[in-house]
Amino acid sequence: MRSRLLLGLALLSTGLLAGAFGYGAANLVPTFNAVPIEMRLGFHAELMKMNGITMQATMAASALSTLALAASVRGRARRQAGAAGLLTVASFLITRFGNVPINGRIKAWAATTAPPDHARILHRWELFNDARTGTAVLAFVLLIAIALTPSRAPSTNA
């Protein structure tokens, strides 16, 4: 029963993480690129204020629940849940050491002006965003596979 609850929590939190990053990659980034740079910078800076709390909490819940699930199951489900946990940790690390420093620059640019090489830096932010989106989606897919494969179901643990 505990493993099933952990699987539910892991699916929920990792699904929210993958969905939020996926929405951003599919909708926000193209919109950022379609508006004037001043508008993008102001909106991006405000959005990151809101995301700072919600996305950090979602990444933490996802990582903790998937790693707890991995500890409570056996066999292939353990490996899949462990991999999902590591992928969510990777999403956090990519965000923390890739996106967040650039977000700080964007915040400063929003208050002043973007430097001449801003397009290159924003492209780097988008590459980090694509990477963290990919790791979050893959983690979610691994958890779905656990949930949908009866022989791998968490209730088979000892």
N, C-alpha and C. Protein backbone atom coordinates (compact mmCIF):
# COMPACT_ATOMS: atom_id res chain seq x y z
N MET A 1 0.82 -1.19 0.00
CA MET A 1 0.00 0.00 0.00
C MET A 1 0.86 1.26 0.00
N ARG A 2 1.93 1.28 0.80
CA ARG A 2 2.82 2.43 0.86
C ARG A 2 3.48 2.69 -0.50
N SER A 3 3.86 1.64 -1.18
CA SER A 3 4.49 1.79 -2.50
C SER A 3 3.51 2.37 -3.51
N ARG A 4 2.25 1.98 -3.41
CA ARG A 4 1.24 2.52 -4.34
C ARG A 4 1.03 4.01 -4.09
N LEU A 5 1.03 4.41 -2.83
CA LEU A 5 0.90 5.83 -2.50
C LEU A 5 2.11 6.62 -2.99
N LEU A 6 3.30 6.04 -2.81
CA LEU A 6 4.50 6.70 -3.31
C LEU A 6 4.47 6.82 -4.83
N LEU A 7 4.00 5.77 -5.50
CA LEU A 7 3.89 5.83 -6.96
C LEU A 7 2.91 6.94 -7.36
N GLY A 8 1.80 7.04 -6.66
CA GLY A 8 0.83 8.10 -6.96
C GLY A 8 1.43 9.48 -6.78
N LEU A 9 2.14 9.69 -5.67
CA LEU A 9 2.78 10.98 -5.42
C LEU A 9 3.87 11.27 -6.45
N ALA A 10 4.66 10.24 -6.78
CA ALA A 10 5.71 10.42 -7.78
C ALA A 10 5.12 10.76 -9.15
N LEU A 11 4.04 10.06 -9.52
CA LEU A 11 3.38 10.36 -10.79
C LEU A 11 2.83 11.78 -10.80
N LEU A 12 2.16 12.17 -9.73
CA LEU A 12 1.58 13.51 -9.66
C LEU A 12 2.66 14.59 -9.76
N SER A 13 3.66 14.51 -8.89
CA SER A 13 4.66 15.58 -8.85
C SER A 13 5.52 15.60 -10.12
N THR A 14 5.88 14.44 -10.62
CA THR A 14 6.70 14.40 -11.83
C THR A 14 5.88 14.79 -13.06
N GLY A 15 4.61 14.43 -13.06
CA GLY A 15 3.73 14.87 -14.15
C GLY A 15 3.56 16.38 -14.16
N LEU A 16 3.41 16.97 -12.96
CA LEU A 16 3.33 18.43 -12.87
C LEU A 16 4.62 19.08 -13.36
N LEU A 17 5.74 18.51 -12.98
CA LEU A 17 7.04 19.05 -13.39
C LEU A 17 7.19 18.97 -14.91
N ALA A 18 6.94 17.79 -15.47
CA ALA A 18 7.06 17.62 -16.92
C ALA A 18 6.06 18.52 -17.66
N GLY A 19 4.86 18.63 -17.11
CA GLY A 19 3.85 19.48 -17.74
C GLY A 19 4.22 20.95 -17.72
N ALA A 20 4.73 21.42 -16.60
CA ALA A 20 5.12 22.83 -16.49
C ALA A 20 6.28 23.14 -17.43
N PHE A 21 7.29 22.29 -17.42
CA PHE A 21 8.43 22.52 -18.32
C PHE A 21 7.99 22.35 -19.78
N GLY A 22 7.15 21.37 -20.04
CA GLY A 22 6.68 21.15 -21.41
C GLY A 22 5.86 22.34 -21.92
N TYR A 23 4.98 22.87 -21.08
CA TYR A 23 4.20 24.05 -21.45
C TYR A 23 5.13 25.22 -21.75
N GLY A 24 6.12 25.39 -20.90
CA GLY A 24 7.07 26.48 -21.12
C GLY A 24 7.82 26.34 -22.43
N ALA A 25 8.29 25.12 -22.71
CA ALA A 25 9.04 24.90 -23.95
C ALA A 25 8.16 25.05 -25.18
N ALA A 26 6.92 24.57 -25.10
CA ALA A 26 6.03 24.60 -26.27
C ALA A 26 5.33 25.93 -26.47
N ASN A 27 5.10 26.68 -25.40
CA ASN A 27 4.30 27.91 -25.51
C ASN A 27 5.03 29.18 -25.08
N LEU A 28 5.67 29.16 -23.93
CA LEU A 28 6.30 30.38 -23.45
C LEU A 28 7.52 30.78 -24.27
N VAL A 29 8.40 29.83 -24.55
CA VAL A 29 9.62 30.18 -25.28
C VAL A 29 9.30 30.73 -26.67
N PRO A 30 8.41 30.08 -27.45
CA PRO A 30 8.08 30.69 -28.75
C PRO A 30 7.45 32.09 -28.60
N THR A 31 6.67 32.29 -27.54
CA THR A 31 6.08 33.61 -27.30
C THR A 31 7.17 34.61 -26.93
N PHE A 32 8.10 34.19 -26.06
CA PHE A 32 9.24 35.06 -25.72
C PHE A 32 9.93 35.53 -27.00
N ASN A 33 10.11 34.62 -27.95
CA ASN A 33 10.85 34.94 -29.16
C ASN A 33 10.04 35.76 -30.16
N ALA A 34 8.74 35.86 -29.95
CA ALA A 34 7.88 36.58 -30.89
C ALA A 34 7.60 38.02 -30.48
N VAL A 35 7.95 38.39 -29.27
CA VAL A 35 7.65 39.74 -28.79
C VAL A 35 8.94 40.56 -28.74
N PRO A 36 8.81 41.89 -28.66
CA PRO A 36 10.00 42.73 -28.54
C PRO A 36 10.82 42.34 -27.31
N ILE A 37 12.13 42.50 -27.40
CA ILE A 37 13.05 42.05 -26.34
C ILE A 37 12.72 42.70 -24.99
N GLU A 38 12.31 43.95 -24.97
CA GLU A 38 11.99 44.61 -23.70
C GLU A 38 10.81 43.93 -23.02
N MET A 39 9.82 43.54 -23.82
CA MET A 39 8.65 42.85 -23.28
C MET A 39 9.05 41.48 -22.74
N ARG A 40 9.87 40.78 -23.50
CA ARG A 40 10.32 39.45 -23.07
C ARG A 40 11.06 39.56 -21.75
N LEU A 41 11.97 40.48 -21.65
CA LEU A 41 12.79 40.58 -20.45
C LEU A 41 11.94 40.89 -19.22
N GLY A 42 11.02 41.82 -19.35
CA GLY A 42 10.15 42.16 -18.22
C GLY A 42 9.28 41.00 -17.80
N PHE A 43 8.65 40.35 -18.78
CA PHE A 43 7.78 39.21 -18.46
C PHE A 43 8.59 38.06 -17.90
N HIS A 44 9.74 37.77 -18.50
CA HIS A 44 10.59 36.67 -18.05
C HIS A 44 11.01 36.90 -16.59
N ALA A 45 11.42 38.10 -16.27
CA ALA A 45 11.86 38.41 -14.90
C ALA A 45 10.72 38.21 -13.91
N GLU A 46 9.52 38.66 -14.24
CA GLU A 46 8.37 38.48 -13.35
C GLU A 46 7.98 37.01 -13.23
N LEU A 47 8.00 36.30 -14.32
CA LEU A 47 7.65 34.88 -14.32
C LEU A 47 8.61 34.09 -13.43
N MET A 48 9.89 34.41 -13.48
CA MET A 48 10.87 33.68 -12.67
C MET A 48 10.66 33.92 -11.19
N LYS A 49 10.13 35.08 -10.80
CA LYS A 49 9.80 35.30 -9.39
C LYS A 49 8.77 34.28 -8.91
N MET A 50 7.76 34.07 -9.72
CA MET A 50 6.70 33.11 -9.37
C MET A 50 7.23 31.67 -9.44
N ASN A 51 7.99 31.38 -10.47
CA ASN A 51 8.49 30.02 -10.65
C ASN A 51 9.51 29.62 -9.59
N GLY A 52 10.19 30.58 -9.03
CA GLY A 52 11.23 30.27 -8.05
C GLY A 52 10.72 29.36 -6.94
N ILE A 53 9.55 29.63 -6.44
CA ILE A 53 9.00 28.84 -5.34
C ILE A 53 8.30 27.59 -5.85
N THR A 54 7.40 27.76 -6.80
CA THR A 54 6.59 26.62 -7.23
C THR A 54 7.40 25.54 -7.92
N MET A 55 8.33 25.92 -8.78
CA MET A 55 9.09 24.91 -9.51
C MET A 55 10.10 24.21 -8.60
N GLN A 56 10.69 24.95 -7.67
CA GLN A 56 11.63 24.32 -6.73
C GLN A 56 10.89 23.29 -5.88
N ALA A 57 9.71 23.64 -5.41
CA ALA A 57 8.92 22.70 -4.60
C ALA A 57 8.51 21.48 -5.42
N THR A 58 8.13 21.69 -6.66
CA THR A 58 7.72 20.58 -7.52
C THR A 58 8.90 19.67 -7.81
N MET A 59 10.06 20.25 -8.08
CA MET A 59 11.25 19.43 -8.32
C MET A 59 11.63 18.63 -7.08
N ALA A 60 11.55 19.26 -5.92
CA ALA A 60 11.87 18.55 -4.67
C ALA A 60 10.90 17.41 -4.42
N ALA A 61 9.60 17.67 -4.57
CA ALA A 61 8.61 16.61 -4.35
C ALA A 61 8.80 15.47 -5.34
N SER A 62 9.11 15.81 -6.56
CA SER A 62 9.33 14.78 -7.59
C SER A 62 10.56 13.93 -7.26
N ALA A 63 11.66 14.58 -6.94
CA ALA A 63 12.88 13.83 -6.64
C ALA A 63 12.71 12.97 -5.39
N LEU A 64 12.16 13.54 -4.33
CA LEU A 64 12.02 12.78 -3.09
C LEU A 64 11.04 11.61 -3.24
N SER A 65 9.93 11.84 -3.91
CA SER A 65 8.95 10.76 -4.05
C SER A 65 9.45 9.64 -4.96
N THR A 66 10.16 9.99 -6.03
CA THR A 66 10.66 8.93 -6.91
C THR A 66 11.79 8.14 -6.24
N LEU A 67 12.63 8.81 -5.51
CA LEU A 67 13.71 8.09 -4.82
C LEU A 67 13.15 7.24 -3.67
N ALA A 68 12.13 7.74 -2.98
CA ALA A 68 11.47 6.93 -1.94
C ALA A 68 10.79 5.73 -2.56
N LEU A 69 10.17 5.92 -3.72
CA LEU A 69 9.56 4.79 -4.43
C LEU A 69 10.62 3.76 -4.78
N ALA A 70 11.76 4.22 -5.27
CA ALA A 70 12.83 3.29 -5.64
C ALA A 70 13.28 2.46 -4.44
N ALA A 71 13.29 3.08 -3.27
CA ALA A 71 13.70 2.36 -2.07
C ALA A 71 12.65 1.36 -1.59
N SER A 72 11.41 1.53 -2.04
CA SER A 72 10.34 0.67 -1.53
C SER A 72 9.91 -0.45 -2.48
N VAL A 73 10.51 -0.51 -3.66
CA VAL A 73 10.15 -1.55 -4.64
C VAL A 73 11.39 -2.36 -4.99
N ARG A 74 11.17 -3.41 -5.80
CA ARG A 74 12.27 -4.30 -6.18
C ARG A 74 12.36 -4.42 -7.69
N GLY A 75 13.48 -4.99 -8.11
CA GLY A 75 13.64 -5.37 -9.52
C GLY A 75 13.67 -4.19 -10.48
N ARG A 76 13.04 -4.42 -11.63
CA ARG A 76 13.05 -3.43 -12.69
C ARG A 76 12.35 -2.13 -12.25
N ALA A 77 11.29 -2.24 -11.47
CA ALA A 77 10.61 -1.04 -10.98
C ALA A 77 11.55 -0.18 -10.14
N ARG A 78 12.42 -0.81 -9.37
CA ARG A 78 13.40 -0.07 -8.56
C ARG A 78 14.35 0.70 -9.47
N ARG A 79 14.84 0.03 -10.51
CA ARG A 79 15.77 0.69 -11.43
C ARG A 79 15.08 1.84 -12.16
N GLN A 80 13.85 1.63 -12.57
CA GLN A 80 13.12 2.68 -13.28
C GLN A 80 12.82 3.87 -12.36
N ALA A 81 12.38 3.58 -11.15
CA ALA A 81 12.08 4.65 -10.21
C ALA A 81 13.36 5.39 -9.82
N GLY A 82 14.44 4.65 -9.64
CA GLY A 82 15.73 5.29 -9.34
C GLY A 82 16.19 6.18 -10.47
N ALA A 83 16.05 5.69 -11.70
CA ALA A 83 16.41 6.50 -12.87
C ALA A 83 15.53 7.75 -12.95
N ALA A 84 14.24 7.58 -12.67
CA ALA A 84 13.33 8.73 -12.67
C ALA A 84 13.76 9.75 -11.61
N GLY A 85 14.14 9.27 -10.45
CA GLY A 85 14.61 10.16 -9.39
C GLY A 85 15.87 10.91 -9.81
N LEU A 86 16.81 10.20 -10.42
CA LEU A 86 18.03 10.85 -10.88
C LEU A 86 17.74 11.87 -11.98
N LEU A 87 16.79 11.55 -12.84
CA LEU A 87 16.41 12.50 -13.90
C LEU A 87 15.78 13.77 -13.32
N THR A 88 14.98 13.63 -12.27
CA THR A 88 14.40 14.83 -11.66
C THR A 88 15.47 15.64 -10.93
N VAL A 89 16.44 14.95 -10.34
CA VAL A 89 17.57 15.66 -9.74
C VAL A 89 18.35 16.38 -10.84
N ALA A 90 18.50 15.74 -12.00
CA ALA A 90 19.17 16.39 -13.13
C ALA A 90 18.40 17.64 -13.56
N SER A 91 17.07 17.57 -13.58
CA SER A 91 16.27 18.76 -13.91
C SER A 91 16.58 19.90 -12.94
N PHE A 92 16.68 19.56 -11.66
CA PHE A 92 17.01 20.57 -10.65
C PHE A 92 18.40 21.16 -10.90
N LEU A 93 19.38 20.30 -11.14
CA LEU A 93 20.76 20.77 -11.34
C LEU A 93 20.89 21.63 -12.60
N ILE A 94 20.23 21.21 -13.66
CA ILE A 94 20.24 22.01 -14.90
C ILE A 94 19.62 23.38 -14.63
N THR A 95 18.52 23.39 -13.91
CA THR A 95 17.85 24.64 -13.58
C THR A 95 18.74 25.52 -12.72
N ARG A 96 19.27 24.93 -11.65
CA ARG A 96 20.06 25.70 -10.68
C ARG A 96 21.34 26.26 -11.26
N PHE A 97 22.06 25.45 -12.06
CA PHE A 97 23.36 25.88 -12.55
C PHE A 97 23.34 26.35 -14.01
N GLY A 98 22.22 26.18 -14.70
CA GLY A 98 22.10 26.63 -16.07
C GLY A 98 21.15 27.79 -16.21
N ASN A 99 19.87 27.56 -15.90
CA ASN A 99 18.85 28.59 -16.10
C ASN A 99 18.91 29.72 -15.08
N VAL A 100 19.08 29.39 -13.81
CA VAL A 100 19.00 30.41 -12.76
C VAL A 100 20.05 31.51 -12.93
N PRO A 101 21.31 31.20 -13.22
CA PRO A 101 22.27 32.30 -13.42
C PRO A 101 21.88 33.22 -14.59
N ILE A 102 21.35 32.63 -15.64
CA ILE A 102 20.91 33.45 -16.78
C ILE A 102 19.67 34.26 -16.39
N ASN A 103 18.78 33.67 -15.58
CA ASN A 103 17.62 34.43 -15.09
C ASN A 103 18.06 35.68 -14.33
N GLY A 104 19.14 35.56 -13.57
CA GLY A 104 19.67 36.72 -12.86
C GLY A 104 20.11 37.81 -13.82
N ARG A 105 20.74 37.41 -14.90
CA ARG A 105 21.15 38.38 -15.92
C ARG A 105 19.92 39.03 -16.56
N ILE A 106 18.93 38.21 -16.87
CA ILE A 106 17.71 38.72 -17.51
C ILE A 106 17.03 39.75 -16.60
N LYS A 107 17.02 39.47 -15.31
CA LYS A 107 16.42 40.41 -14.35
C LYS A 107 17.15 41.75 -14.40
N ALA A 108 18.47 41.70 -14.46
CA ALA A 108 19.25 42.94 -14.54
C ALA A 108 18.99 43.66 -15.86
N TRP A 109 18.91 42.90 -16.95
CA TRP A 109 18.65 43.52 -18.25
C TRP A 109 17.27 44.18 -18.28
N ALA A 110 16.29 43.56 -17.62
CA ALA A 110 14.93 44.12 -17.60
C ALA A 110 14.93 45.49 -16.95
N ALA A 111 15.83 45.70 -16.00
CA ALA A 111 15.91 46.99 -15.30
C ALA A 111 16.76 48.00 -16.07
N THR A 112 17.60 47.52 -16.98
CA THR A 112 18.47 48.42 -17.75
C THR A 112 18.24 48.18 -19.24
N THR A 113 19.19 47.48 -19.85
CA THR A 113 19.08 47.14 -21.27
C THR A 113 19.86 45.86 -21.53
N ALA A 114 19.46 45.14 -22.55
CA ALA A 114 20.13 43.89 -22.89
C ALA A 114 21.46 44.19 -23.58
N PRO A 115 22.49 43.38 -23.32
CA PRO A 115 23.77 43.60 -23.98
C PRO A 115 23.70 43.18 -25.45
N PRO A 116 24.70 43.56 -26.22
CA PRO A 116 24.69 43.21 -27.65
C PRO A 116 24.63 41.70 -27.92
N ASP A 117 25.20 40.89 -27.03
CA ASP A 117 25.21 39.43 -27.24
C ASP A 117 24.04 38.73 -26.55
N HIS A 118 22.97 39.46 -26.26
CA HIS A 118 21.85 38.88 -25.52
C HIS A 118 21.23 37.68 -26.24
N ALA A 119 21.18 37.68 -27.57
CA ALA A 119 20.56 36.58 -28.30
C ALA A 119 21.31 35.26 -28.04
N ARG A 120 22.62 35.32 -27.98
CA ARG A 120 23.42 34.12 -27.70
C ARG A 120 23.14 33.60 -26.29
N ILE A 121 23.04 34.50 -25.33
CA ILE A 121 22.79 34.11 -23.94
C ILE A 121 21.38 33.55 -23.79
N LEU A 122 20.41 34.18 -24.43
CA LEU A 122 19.03 33.69 -24.36
C LEU A 122 18.91 32.32 -25.05
N HIS A 123 19.67 32.12 -26.11
CA HIS A 123 19.67 30.81 -26.77
C HIS A 123 20.23 29.75 -25.82
N ARG A 124 21.26 30.10 -25.06
CA ARG A 124 21.80 29.16 -24.07
C ARG A 124 20.75 28.82 -23.01
N TRP A 125 19.98 29.81 -22.57
CA TRP A 125 18.91 29.57 -21.61
C TRP A 125 17.91 28.57 -22.21
N GLU A 126 17.58 28.74 -23.48
CA GLU A 126 16.63 27.84 -24.15
C GLU A 126 17.18 26.41 -24.25
N LEU A 127 18.47 26.28 -24.48
CA LEU A 127 19.07 24.94 -24.51
C LEU A 127 18.98 24.27 -23.14
N PHE A 128 19.27 25.02 -22.09
CA PHE A 128 19.11 24.47 -20.74
C PHE A 128 17.65 24.11 -20.48
N ASN A 129 16.74 24.96 -20.93
CA ASN A 129 15.31 24.69 -20.75
C ASN A 129 14.91 23.41 -21.47
N ASP A 130 15.39 23.21 -22.69
CA ASP A 130 15.10 21.98 -23.43
C ASP A 130 15.64 20.76 -22.69
N ALA A 131 16.84 20.88 -22.13
CA ALA A 131 17.45 19.75 -21.41
C ALA A 131 16.64 19.39 -20.17
N ARG A 132 16.26 20.38 -19.38
CA ARG A 132 15.51 20.07 -18.16
C ARG A 132 14.10 19.58 -18.48
N THR A 133 13.54 20.06 -19.57
CA THR A 133 12.24 19.55 -20.00
C THR A 133 12.36 18.09 -20.39
N GLY A 134 13.40 17.76 -21.13
CA GLY A 134 13.61 16.37 -21.54
C GLY A 134 13.82 15.43 -20.37
N THR A 135 14.60 15.85 -19.38
CA THR A 135 14.83 14.98 -18.22
C THR A 135 13.54 14.79 -17.42
N ALA A 136 12.74 15.83 -17.29
CA ALA A 136 11.48 15.73 -16.55
C ALA A 136 10.48 14.83 -17.28
N VAL A 137 10.37 14.99 -18.59
CA VAL A 137 9.44 14.16 -19.37
C VAL A 137 9.87 12.70 -19.33
N LEU A 138 11.15 12.43 -19.48
CA LEU A 138 11.63 11.06 -19.42
C LEU A 138 11.38 10.43 -18.05
N ALA A 139 11.57 11.19 -16.99
CA ALA A 139 11.26 10.68 -15.64
C ALA A 139 9.79 10.31 -15.54
N PHE A 140 8.92 11.14 -16.06
CA PHE A 140 7.49 10.88 -16.02
C PHE A 140 7.15 9.62 -16.83
N VAL A 141 7.76 9.47 -17.98
CA VAL A 141 7.53 8.28 -18.81
C VAL A 141 7.95 7.01 -18.06
N LEU A 142 9.06 7.04 -17.38
CA LEU A 142 9.51 5.88 -16.60
C LEU A 142 8.50 5.51 -15.51
N LEU A 143 7.95 6.51 -14.86
CA LEU A 143 6.96 6.24 -13.82
C LEU A 143 5.66 5.72 -14.40
N ILE A 144 5.26 6.23 -15.55
CA ILE A 144 4.07 5.70 -16.23
C ILE A 144 4.29 4.23 -16.56
N ALA A 145 5.48 3.90 -17.02
CA ALA A 145 5.78 2.50 -17.36
C ALA A 145 5.66 1.61 -16.13
N ILE A 146 6.10 2.07 -14.98
CA ILE A 146 5.95 1.30 -13.75
C ILE A 146 4.46 1.09 -13.45
N ALA A 147 3.70 2.16 -13.57
CA ALA A 147 2.27 2.09 -13.24
C ALA A 147 1.49 1.20 -14.20
N LEU A 148 1.89 1.15 -15.45
CA LEU A 148 1.11 0.42 -16.46
C LEU A 148 1.55 -1.03 -16.66
N THR A 149 2.67 -1.40 -16.09
CA THR A 149 3.16 -2.76 -16.28
C THR A 149 2.86 -3.58 -15.03
N PRO A 150 1.86 -4.48 -15.12
CA PRO A 150 1.45 -5.25 -13.94
C PRO A 150 2.59 -6.02 -13.29
N SER A 151 3.46 -6.60 -14.08
CA SER A 151 4.55 -7.39 -13.48
C SER A 151 5.57 -6.50 -12.77
N ARG A 152 5.51 -5.20 -13.02
CA ARG A 152 6.44 -4.27 -12.38
C ARG A 152 5.76 -3.43 -11.32
N ALA A 153 4.54 -3.71 -11.04
CA ALA A 153 3.78 -2.89 -10.10
C ALA A 153 4.44 -2.87 -8.73
N PRO A 154 4.44 -1.72 -8.06
CA PRO A 154 5.08 -1.61 -6.75
C PRO A 154 4.52 -2.55 -5.69
N SER A 155 3.31 -3.04 -5.86
CA SER A 155 2.73 -3.92 -4.85
C SER A 155 3.43 -5.28 -4.79
N THR A 156 4.39 -5.53 -5.70
CA THR A 156 5.10 -6.81 -5.70
C THR A 156 6.29 -6.83 -4.76
N ASN A 157 6.50 -5.74 -4.00
CA ASN A 157 7.65 -5.72 -3.10
C ASN A 157 7.41 -6.61 -1.88
N ALA A 158 8.50 -6.85 -1.20
CA ALA A 158 8.42 -7.72 -0.02
C ALA A 158 8.18 -6.94 1.24
